[in-house]
């Protein structure tokens, strides 16, 4: 497994992986538009056969926002998500980010554990933030952490 940088040309592969990981995935167009945007950091874990994990962050001024993180179900619980978070934040720090933040579904306990293990703390809640195919929308927890030059 190796980490590679992604761009808009990888939009289809990103959308396919995202569809494996989320009930309401982003489509190819969304990935093409996002990955080409200013300050966007797009990384993937690749196993030779295709993408098995990805992270998109946006670093603007002194802040970095994790936009999405996805790992193929067969590759979860192996440290891949944490490696993507650490690498993405490292690049964001190199680009001047000093604060990281993200939103995560309030019922996504594995992701919350991952982020809290990476020193993110809960700083807010967005009611009914995530639409669901079935059932009512889910609240998002807003998490944040300080980023340090040593993180680079």
N, C-alpha and C. Protein backbone atom coordinates (compact mmCIF):
# COMPACT_ATOMS: atom_id res chain seq x y z
N UNK A 1 0.84 -1.17 0.00
CA UNK A 1 0.00 0.00 0.00
C UNK A 1 0.88 1.24 0.00
N UNK A 2 0.52 2.21 -0.83
CA UNK A 2 1.25 3.48 -0.83
C UNK A 2 0.25 4.61 -0.93
N UNK A 3 0.67 5.78 -0.42
CA UNK A 3 -0.15 6.98 -0.52
C UNK A 3 0.23 7.75 -1.76
N UNK A 4 -0.78 8.21 -2.49
CA UNK A 4 -0.55 8.97 -3.71
C UNK A 4 -1.40 10.24 -3.69
N UNK A 5 -0.94 11.26 -4.39
CA UNK A 5 -1.72 12.50 -4.55
C UNK A 5 -2.75 12.27 -5.65
N UNK A 6 -3.92 12.86 -5.46
CA UNK A 6 -5.00 12.73 -6.43
C UNK A 6 -5.29 14.09 -7.06
N UNK A 7 -5.97 14.04 -8.21
CA UNK A 7 -6.42 15.26 -8.87
C UNK A 7 -7.77 14.97 -9.52
N UNK A 8 -8.29 15.94 -10.26
CA UNK A 8 -9.62 15.80 -10.86
C UNK A 8 -9.71 14.59 -11.79
N UNK A 9 -8.59 14.16 -12.36
CA UNK A 9 -8.59 12.99 -13.23
C UNK A 9 -8.90 11.69 -12.50
N UNK A 10 -8.86 11.71 -11.17
CA UNK A 10 -9.17 10.54 -10.36
C UNK A 10 -10.61 10.57 -9.83
N UNK A 11 -11.41 11.51 -10.31
CA UNK A 11 -12.75 11.73 -9.75
C UNK A 11 -13.62 10.47 -9.77
N UNK A 12 -13.58 9.73 -10.84
CA UNK A 12 -14.42 8.52 -10.92
C UNK A 12 -14.01 7.51 -9.86
N UNK A 13 -12.72 7.26 -9.72
CA UNK A 13 -12.25 6.31 -8.72
C UNK A 13 -12.58 6.78 -7.30
N UNK A 14 -12.49 8.11 -7.07
CA UNK A 14 -12.83 8.64 -5.75
C UNK A 14 -14.32 8.43 -5.47
N UNK A 15 -15.17 8.70 -6.45
CA UNK A 15 -16.61 8.53 -6.27
C UNK A 15 -16.96 7.06 -6.03
N UNK A 16 -16.30 6.16 -6.73
CA UNK A 16 -16.57 4.73 -6.54
C UNK A 16 -16.20 4.29 -5.13
N UNK A 17 -15.06 4.73 -4.64
CA UNK A 17 -14.67 4.38 -3.27
C UNK A 17 -15.62 5.02 -2.26
N UNK A 18 -15.97 6.27 -2.47
CA UNK A 18 -16.87 6.97 -1.55
C UNK A 18 -18.21 6.24 -1.46
N UNK A 19 -18.68 5.70 -2.58
CA UNK A 19 -19.95 4.97 -2.60
C UNK A 19 -19.88 3.69 -1.76
N UNK A 20 -18.70 3.12 -1.61
CA UNK A 20 -18.54 1.94 -0.75
C UNK A 20 -18.61 2.30 0.73
N UNK A 21 -18.30 3.55 1.04
CA UNK A 21 -18.13 3.95 2.43
C UNK A 21 -19.31 4.73 3.02
N UNK A 22 -20.14 5.34 2.17
CA UNK A 22 -21.19 6.23 2.69
C UNK A 22 -22.55 5.90 2.10
N UNK A 23 -23.57 6.09 2.91
CA UNK A 23 -24.96 5.88 2.48
C UNK A 23 -25.38 6.90 1.42
N UNK A 24 -24.91 8.12 1.56
CA UNK A 24 -25.20 9.18 0.57
C UNK A 24 -23.86 9.71 0.04
N UNK A 25 -23.28 8.98 -0.91
CA UNK A 25 -21.94 9.34 -1.40
C UNK A 25 -21.94 10.54 -2.33
N UNK A 26 -20.77 11.12 -2.47
CA UNK A 26 -20.56 12.20 -3.43
C UNK A 26 -20.39 11.58 -4.81
N UNK A 27 -20.80 12.29 -5.83
CA UNK A 27 -20.67 11.76 -7.18
C UNK A 27 -19.35 12.22 -7.83
N UNK A 28 -19.12 11.71 -9.02
CA UNK A 28 -17.88 12.01 -9.75
C UNK A 28 -17.70 13.51 -9.98
N UNK A 29 -18.78 14.18 -10.31
CA UNK A 29 -18.70 15.62 -10.56
C UNK A 29 -18.25 16.38 -9.30
N UNK A 30 -18.78 16.00 -8.16
CA UNK A 30 -18.39 16.66 -6.91
C UNK A 30 -16.90 16.49 -6.65
N UNK A 31 -16.39 15.28 -6.88
CA UNK A 31 -14.96 15.06 -6.66
C UNK A 31 -14.12 15.82 -7.68
N UNK A 32 -14.57 15.90 -8.92
CA UNK A 32 -13.82 16.64 -9.94
C UNK A 32 -13.74 18.11 -9.56
N UNK A 33 -14.86 18.68 -9.13
CA UNK A 33 -14.88 20.09 -8.76
C UNK A 33 -14.06 20.36 -7.51
N UNK A 34 -14.23 19.53 -6.50
CA UNK A 34 -13.50 19.73 -5.24
C UNK A 34 -12.00 19.55 -5.39
N UNK A 35 -11.60 18.48 -6.05
CA UNK A 35 -10.18 18.16 -6.09
C UNK A 35 -9.38 19.17 -6.90
N UNK A 36 -10.04 19.94 -7.72
CA UNK A 36 -9.35 20.97 -8.48
C UNK A 36 -9.41 22.35 -7.84
N UNK A 37 -10.05 22.44 -6.67
CA UNK A 37 -10.23 23.72 -6.02
C UNK A 37 -8.99 24.22 -5.31
N UNK A 38 -8.95 25.52 -5.03
CA UNK A 38 -7.78 26.10 -4.35
C UNK A 38 -7.63 25.54 -2.94
N UNK A 39 -6.41 25.22 -2.59
CA UNK A 39 -6.09 24.74 -1.26
C UNK A 39 -6.49 23.31 -0.95
N UNK A 40 -7.03 22.59 -1.94
CA UNK A 40 -7.49 21.22 -1.68
C UNK A 40 -6.32 20.25 -1.73
N UNK A 41 -6.27 19.42 -0.73
CA UNK A 41 -5.28 18.34 -0.62
C UNK A 41 -6.06 17.05 -0.80
N UNK A 42 -5.73 16.27 -1.80
CA UNK A 42 -6.42 15.01 -2.08
C UNK A 42 -5.39 13.89 -2.10
N UNK A 43 -5.55 12.96 -1.20
CA UNK A 43 -4.63 11.83 -1.07
C UNK A 43 -5.40 10.53 -1.07
N UNK A 44 -4.74 9.48 -1.54
CA UNK A 44 -5.37 8.17 -1.51
C UNK A 44 -4.37 7.11 -1.13
N UNK A 45 -4.89 6.06 -0.55
CA UNK A 45 -4.12 4.84 -0.35
C UNK A 45 -4.46 3.94 -1.53
N UNK A 46 -3.42 3.38 -2.13
CA UNK A 46 -3.56 2.56 -3.34
C UNK A 46 -2.87 1.23 -3.07
N UNK A 47 -3.53 0.13 -3.41
CA UNK A 47 -2.93 -1.18 -3.15
C UNK A 47 -2.46 -1.89 -4.41
N UNK A 48 -2.36 -1.15 -5.51
CA UNK A 48 -1.96 -1.76 -6.77
C UNK A 48 -3.15 -2.14 -7.61
N UNK A 49 -4.27 -2.41 -6.97
CA UNK A 49 -5.49 -2.78 -7.69
C UNK A 49 -6.49 -1.65 -7.75
N UNK A 50 -6.26 -0.60 -7.01
CA UNK A 50 -7.18 0.54 -6.99
C UNK A 50 -7.11 1.27 -5.67
N UNK A 51 -7.95 2.28 -5.55
CA UNK A 51 -7.99 3.08 -4.33
C UNK A 51 -8.66 2.28 -3.22
N UNK A 52 -8.04 2.31 -2.05
CA UNK A 52 -8.64 1.63 -0.90
C UNK A 52 -8.95 2.61 0.23
N UNK A 53 -8.49 3.85 0.08
CA UNK A 53 -8.78 4.89 1.06
C UNK A 53 -8.49 6.24 0.46
N UNK A 54 -9.19 7.26 0.93
CA UNK A 54 -8.93 8.61 0.44
C UNK A 54 -9.28 9.63 1.50
N UNK A 55 -8.64 10.78 1.40
CA UNK A 55 -8.94 11.93 2.23
C UNK A 55 -8.86 13.18 1.37
N UNK A 56 -9.81 14.07 1.57
CA UNK A 56 -9.79 15.39 0.96
C UNK A 56 -9.83 16.41 2.07
N UNK A 57 -8.91 17.35 2.02
CA UNK A 57 -8.86 18.46 2.96
C UNK A 57 -8.80 19.74 2.16
N UNK A 58 -9.19 20.83 2.79
CA UNK A 58 -9.02 22.13 2.18
C UNK A 58 -8.26 22.99 3.19
N UNK A 59 -7.11 23.50 2.78
CA UNK A 59 -6.29 24.37 3.63
C UNK A 59 -6.40 25.79 3.10
N UNK A 60 -6.97 26.66 3.92
CA UNK A 60 -7.14 28.06 3.55
C UNK A 60 -6.67 28.89 4.73
N UNK A 61 -5.79 29.85 4.44
CA UNK A 61 -5.19 30.70 5.47
C UNK A 61 -4.57 29.80 6.53
N UNK A 62 -5.02 29.90 7.76
CA UNK A 62 -4.41 29.09 8.82
C UNK A 62 -5.30 27.95 9.28
N UNK A 63 -6.31 27.58 8.46
CA UNK A 63 -7.22 26.50 8.83
C UNK A 63 -7.21 25.39 7.79
N UNK A 64 -7.40 24.17 8.28
CA UNK A 64 -7.54 23.01 7.40
C UNK A 64 -8.81 22.27 7.79
N UNK A 65 -9.65 22.03 6.81
CA UNK A 65 -10.89 21.30 7.05
C UNK A 65 -10.82 19.95 6.36
N UNK A 66 -11.06 18.89 7.11
CA UNK A 66 -11.19 17.56 6.49
C UNK A 66 -12.59 17.52 5.87
N UNK A 67 -12.63 17.43 4.54
CA UNK A 67 -13.89 17.43 3.81
C UNK A 67 -14.52 16.05 3.78
N UNK A 68 -13.70 15.03 3.56
CA UNK A 68 -14.18 13.66 3.60
C UNK A 68 -13.01 12.71 3.80
N UNK A 69 -13.33 11.58 4.37
CA UNK A 69 -12.37 10.50 4.60
C UNK A 69 -13.13 9.21 4.37
N UNK A 70 -12.60 8.35 3.51
CA UNK A 70 -13.28 7.10 3.20
C UNK A 70 -12.27 5.97 3.09
N UNK A 71 -12.63 4.82 3.63
CA UNK A 71 -11.81 3.62 3.51
C UNK A 71 -12.73 2.48 3.07
N UNK A 72 -12.28 1.71 2.09
CA UNK A 72 -13.06 0.57 1.62
C UNK A 72 -13.33 -0.38 2.79
N UNK A 73 -14.54 -0.91 2.89
CA UNK A 73 -14.88 -1.77 4.02
C UNK A 73 -13.89 -2.90 4.30
N UNK A 74 -13.35 -3.52 3.28
CA UNK A 74 -12.41 -4.64 3.47
C UNK A 74 -11.07 -4.20 4.05
N UNK A 75 -10.81 -2.90 4.08
CA UNK A 75 -9.51 -2.40 4.55
C UNK A 75 -9.61 -1.57 5.83
N UNK A 76 -10.76 -1.62 6.47
CA UNK A 76 -10.95 -0.85 7.70
C UNK A 76 -10.28 -1.54 8.88
N UNK A 77 -10.06 -0.74 9.93
CA UNK A 77 -9.50 -1.23 11.20
C UNK A 77 -8.06 -1.70 11.05
N UNK A 78 -7.33 -1.11 10.09
CA UNK A 78 -5.94 -1.48 9.85
C UNK A 78 -5.00 -0.27 9.97
N UNK A 79 -5.53 0.86 10.45
CA UNK A 79 -4.71 2.06 10.60
C UNK A 79 -4.63 2.94 9.36
N UNK A 80 -5.34 2.57 8.33
CA UNK A 80 -5.28 3.31 7.07
C UNK A 80 -5.89 4.70 7.20
N UNK A 81 -7.04 4.81 7.83
CA UNK A 81 -7.68 6.12 8.00
C UNK A 81 -6.79 7.05 8.81
N UNK A 82 -6.19 6.53 9.86
CA UNK A 82 -5.31 7.37 10.68
C UNK A 82 -4.10 7.83 9.87
N UNK A 83 -3.53 6.95 9.05
CA UNK A 83 -2.39 7.33 8.21
C UNK A 83 -2.79 8.43 7.23
N UNK A 84 -3.98 8.35 6.66
CA UNK A 84 -4.45 9.38 5.75
C UNK A 84 -4.65 10.71 6.48
N UNK A 85 -5.24 10.67 7.67
CA UNK A 85 -5.44 11.89 8.45
C UNK A 85 -4.10 12.53 8.79
N UNK A 86 -3.17 11.71 9.30
CA UNK A 86 -1.86 12.24 9.69
C UNK A 86 -1.13 12.86 8.50
N UNK A 87 -1.14 12.18 7.38
CA UNK A 87 -0.44 12.68 6.19
C UNK A 87 -1.12 13.94 5.66
N UNK A 88 -2.44 13.94 5.59
CA UNK A 88 -3.16 15.12 5.11
C UNK A 88 -2.92 16.34 5.99
N UNK A 89 -2.94 16.14 7.31
CA UNK A 89 -2.69 17.26 8.22
C UNK A 89 -1.25 17.74 8.13
N UNK A 90 -0.33 16.82 7.90
CA UNK A 90 1.07 17.20 7.75
C UNK A 90 1.24 18.16 6.56
N UNK A 91 0.61 17.83 5.46
CA UNK A 91 0.68 18.69 4.27
C UNK A 91 0.00 20.03 4.55
N UNK A 92 -1.13 20.00 5.24
CA UNK A 92 -1.84 21.24 5.57
C UNK A 92 -0.96 22.15 6.44
N UNK A 93 -0.26 21.57 7.41
CA UNK A 93 0.64 22.35 8.27
C UNK A 93 1.75 22.97 7.42
N UNK A 94 2.28 22.21 6.47
CA UNK A 94 3.32 22.73 5.59
C UNK A 94 2.80 23.90 4.75
N UNK A 95 1.48 23.93 4.53
CA UNK A 95 0.87 25.02 3.77
C UNK A 95 0.40 26.16 4.68
N UNK A 96 0.70 26.08 5.96
CA UNK A 96 0.41 27.17 6.88
C UNK A 96 -0.77 26.98 7.81
N UNK A 97 -1.45 25.84 7.75
CA UNK A 97 -2.60 25.61 8.63
C UNK A 97 -2.14 25.46 10.07
N UNK A 98 -2.89 26.06 10.98
CA UNK A 98 -2.59 25.97 12.41
C UNK A 98 -3.77 25.43 13.21
N UNK A 99 -4.90 25.24 12.54
CA UNK A 99 -6.09 24.71 13.18
C UNK A 99 -6.76 23.76 12.21
N UNK A 100 -7.16 22.59 12.70
CA UNK A 100 -7.88 21.63 11.87
C UNK A 100 -9.29 21.46 12.39
N UNK A 101 -10.23 21.23 11.50
CA UNK A 101 -11.59 20.95 11.94
C UNK A 101 -12.30 20.06 10.94
N UNK A 102 -13.45 19.54 11.35
CA UNK A 102 -14.24 18.64 10.52
C UNK A 102 -15.62 18.48 11.11
N UNK A 103 -16.52 17.93 10.33
CA UNK A 103 -17.82 17.49 10.81
C UNK A 103 -17.89 15.98 10.65
N UNK A 104 -18.53 15.32 11.61
CA UNK A 104 -18.70 13.87 11.56
C UNK A 104 -20.10 13.55 12.08
N UNK A 105 -20.74 12.57 11.46
CA UNK A 105 -22.08 12.17 11.89
C UNK A 105 -22.04 11.74 13.36
N UNK A 106 -23.00 12.22 14.13
CA UNK A 106 -23.03 11.97 15.57
C UNK A 106 -23.17 10.50 15.90
N UNK A 107 -23.65 9.69 14.96
CA UNK A 107 -23.79 8.25 15.21
C UNK A 107 -22.63 7.42 14.64
N UNK A 108 -21.63 8.07 14.07
CA UNK A 108 -20.50 7.36 13.48
C UNK A 108 -19.40 7.17 14.53
N UNK A 109 -19.64 6.24 15.44
CA UNK A 109 -18.74 6.04 16.57
C UNK A 109 -17.32 5.66 16.17
N UNK A 110 -17.11 4.80 15.17
CA UNK A 110 -15.73 4.50 14.77
C UNK A 110 -14.97 5.75 14.30
N UNK A 111 -15.63 6.60 13.50
CA UNK A 111 -14.97 7.82 13.01
C UNK A 111 -14.71 8.80 14.16
N UNK A 112 -15.66 8.92 15.06
CA UNK A 112 -15.46 9.81 16.21
C UNK A 112 -14.26 9.32 17.02
N UNK A 113 -14.16 8.02 17.23
CA UNK A 113 -13.01 7.47 17.95
C UNK A 113 -11.70 7.74 17.23
N UNK A 114 -11.71 7.60 15.92
CA UNK A 114 -10.51 7.88 15.12
C UNK A 114 -10.07 9.33 15.31
N UNK A 115 -11.00 10.25 15.15
CA UNK A 115 -10.64 11.67 15.24
C UNK A 115 -10.24 12.07 16.66
N UNK A 116 -10.95 11.56 17.65
CA UNK A 116 -10.56 11.89 19.02
C UNK A 116 -9.19 11.29 19.34
N UNK A 117 -8.88 10.13 18.77
CA UNK A 117 -7.55 9.54 18.93
C UNK A 117 -6.46 10.35 18.25
N UNK A 118 -6.87 11.18 17.29
CA UNK A 118 -5.92 12.07 16.59
C UNK A 118 -5.96 13.48 17.21
N UNK A 119 -6.42 13.57 18.45
CA UNK A 119 -6.43 14.81 19.24
C UNK A 119 -7.48 15.84 18.83
N UNK A 120 -8.48 15.45 18.08
CA UNK A 120 -9.59 16.35 17.81
C UNK A 120 -10.54 16.32 19.01
N UNK A 121 -11.15 17.45 19.30
CA UNK A 121 -12.10 17.56 20.41
C UNK A 121 -13.41 18.15 19.89
N UNK A 122 -14.49 17.77 20.53
CA UNK A 122 -15.82 18.27 20.14
C UNK A 122 -15.95 19.74 20.53
N UNK A 123 -16.34 20.55 19.55
CA UNK A 123 -16.50 21.98 19.81
C UNK A 123 -17.88 22.50 19.41
N UNK A 124 -18.70 21.66 18.81
CA UNK A 124 -20.02 22.11 18.41
C UNK A 124 -20.85 20.98 17.83
N UNK A 125 -22.08 21.33 17.47
CA UNK A 125 -23.02 20.36 16.90
C UNK A 125 -23.87 21.09 15.87
N UNK A 126 -24.09 20.44 14.73
CA UNK A 126 -24.94 21.00 13.68
C UNK A 126 -26.17 20.09 13.57
N UNK A 127 -27.32 20.56 14.05
CA UNK A 127 -28.52 19.72 14.01
C UNK A 127 -28.94 19.37 12.58
N UNK A 128 -29.35 18.11 12.39
CA UNK A 128 -29.90 17.63 11.11
C UNK A 128 -29.00 17.96 9.92
N UNK A 129 -27.70 17.82 10.08
CA UNK A 129 -26.71 18.21 9.06
C UNK A 129 -26.62 17.20 7.92
N UNK A 130 -26.67 15.91 8.24
CA UNK A 130 -26.50 14.87 7.22
C UNK A 130 -27.85 14.29 6.81
N UNK A 131 -28.16 14.37 5.52
CA UNK A 131 -29.36 13.73 4.99
C UNK A 131 -29.16 12.23 4.96
N UNK A 132 -30.22 11.50 5.16
CA UNK A 132 -30.19 10.04 5.12
C UNK A 132 -31.20 9.54 4.10
N UNK A 133 -30.88 8.44 3.44
CA UNK A 133 -31.84 7.84 2.50
C UNK A 133 -33.08 7.37 3.23
N UNK A 134 -32.87 6.80 4.40
CA UNK A 134 -34.00 6.34 5.21
C UNK A 134 -33.83 6.91 6.61
N UNK A 135 -34.89 7.41 7.14
CA UNK A 135 -34.84 7.98 8.48
C UNK A 135 -34.56 9.46 8.45
N UNK A 136 -34.62 10.06 9.63
CA UNK A 136 -34.42 11.51 9.72
C UNK A 136 -32.96 11.88 9.54
N UNK A 137 -32.70 13.14 9.23
CA UNK A 137 -31.31 13.60 9.12
C UNK A 137 -30.56 13.39 10.44
N UNK A 138 -29.24 13.28 10.33
CA UNK A 138 -28.39 13.06 11.50
C UNK A 138 -27.63 14.33 11.83
N UNK A 139 -27.49 14.60 13.11
CA UNK A 139 -26.67 15.72 13.56
C UNK A 139 -25.21 15.47 13.22
N UNK A 140 -24.46 16.54 13.06
CA UNK A 140 -23.01 16.47 12.89
C UNK A 140 -22.36 17.02 14.14
N UNK A 141 -21.31 16.36 14.57
CA UNK A 141 -20.45 16.90 15.60
C UNK A 141 -19.35 17.69 14.90
N UNK A 142 -19.02 18.85 15.41
CA UNK A 142 -17.92 19.65 14.89
C UNK A 142 -16.73 19.40 15.81
N UNK A 143 -15.64 18.95 15.23
CA UNK A 143 -14.43 18.66 15.98
C UNK A 143 -13.31 19.57 15.50
N UNK A 144 -12.40 19.89 16.40
CA UNK A 144 -11.29 20.78 16.06
C UNK A 144 -10.05 20.40 16.86
N UNK A 145 -8.92 20.80 16.35
CA UNK A 145 -7.66 20.64 17.08
C UNK A 145 -6.65 21.66 16.59
N UNK A 146 -5.71 21.97 17.46
CA UNK A 146 -4.60 22.83 17.10
C UNK A 146 -3.59 21.99 16.32
N UNK A 147 -3.04 22.60 15.28
CA UNK A 147 -1.98 21.96 14.50
C UNK A 147 -0.70 22.70 14.80
N UNK A 148 0.38 21.98 14.90
CA UNK A 148 1.67 22.55 15.27
C UNK A 148 2.70 22.31 14.17
N UNK A 149 3.69 23.18 14.05
CA UNK A 149 4.75 22.92 13.07
C UNK A 149 5.40 21.54 13.26
N UNK A 150 5.40 21.05 14.48
CA UNK A 150 5.95 19.71 14.74
C UNK A 150 5.12 18.62 14.07
N UNK A 151 3.85 18.91 13.73
CA UNK A 151 3.00 17.94 13.04
C UNK A 151 3.47 17.73 11.61
N UNK A 152 4.24 18.68 11.09
CA UNK A 152 4.75 18.56 9.72
C UNK A 152 5.90 17.64 9.75
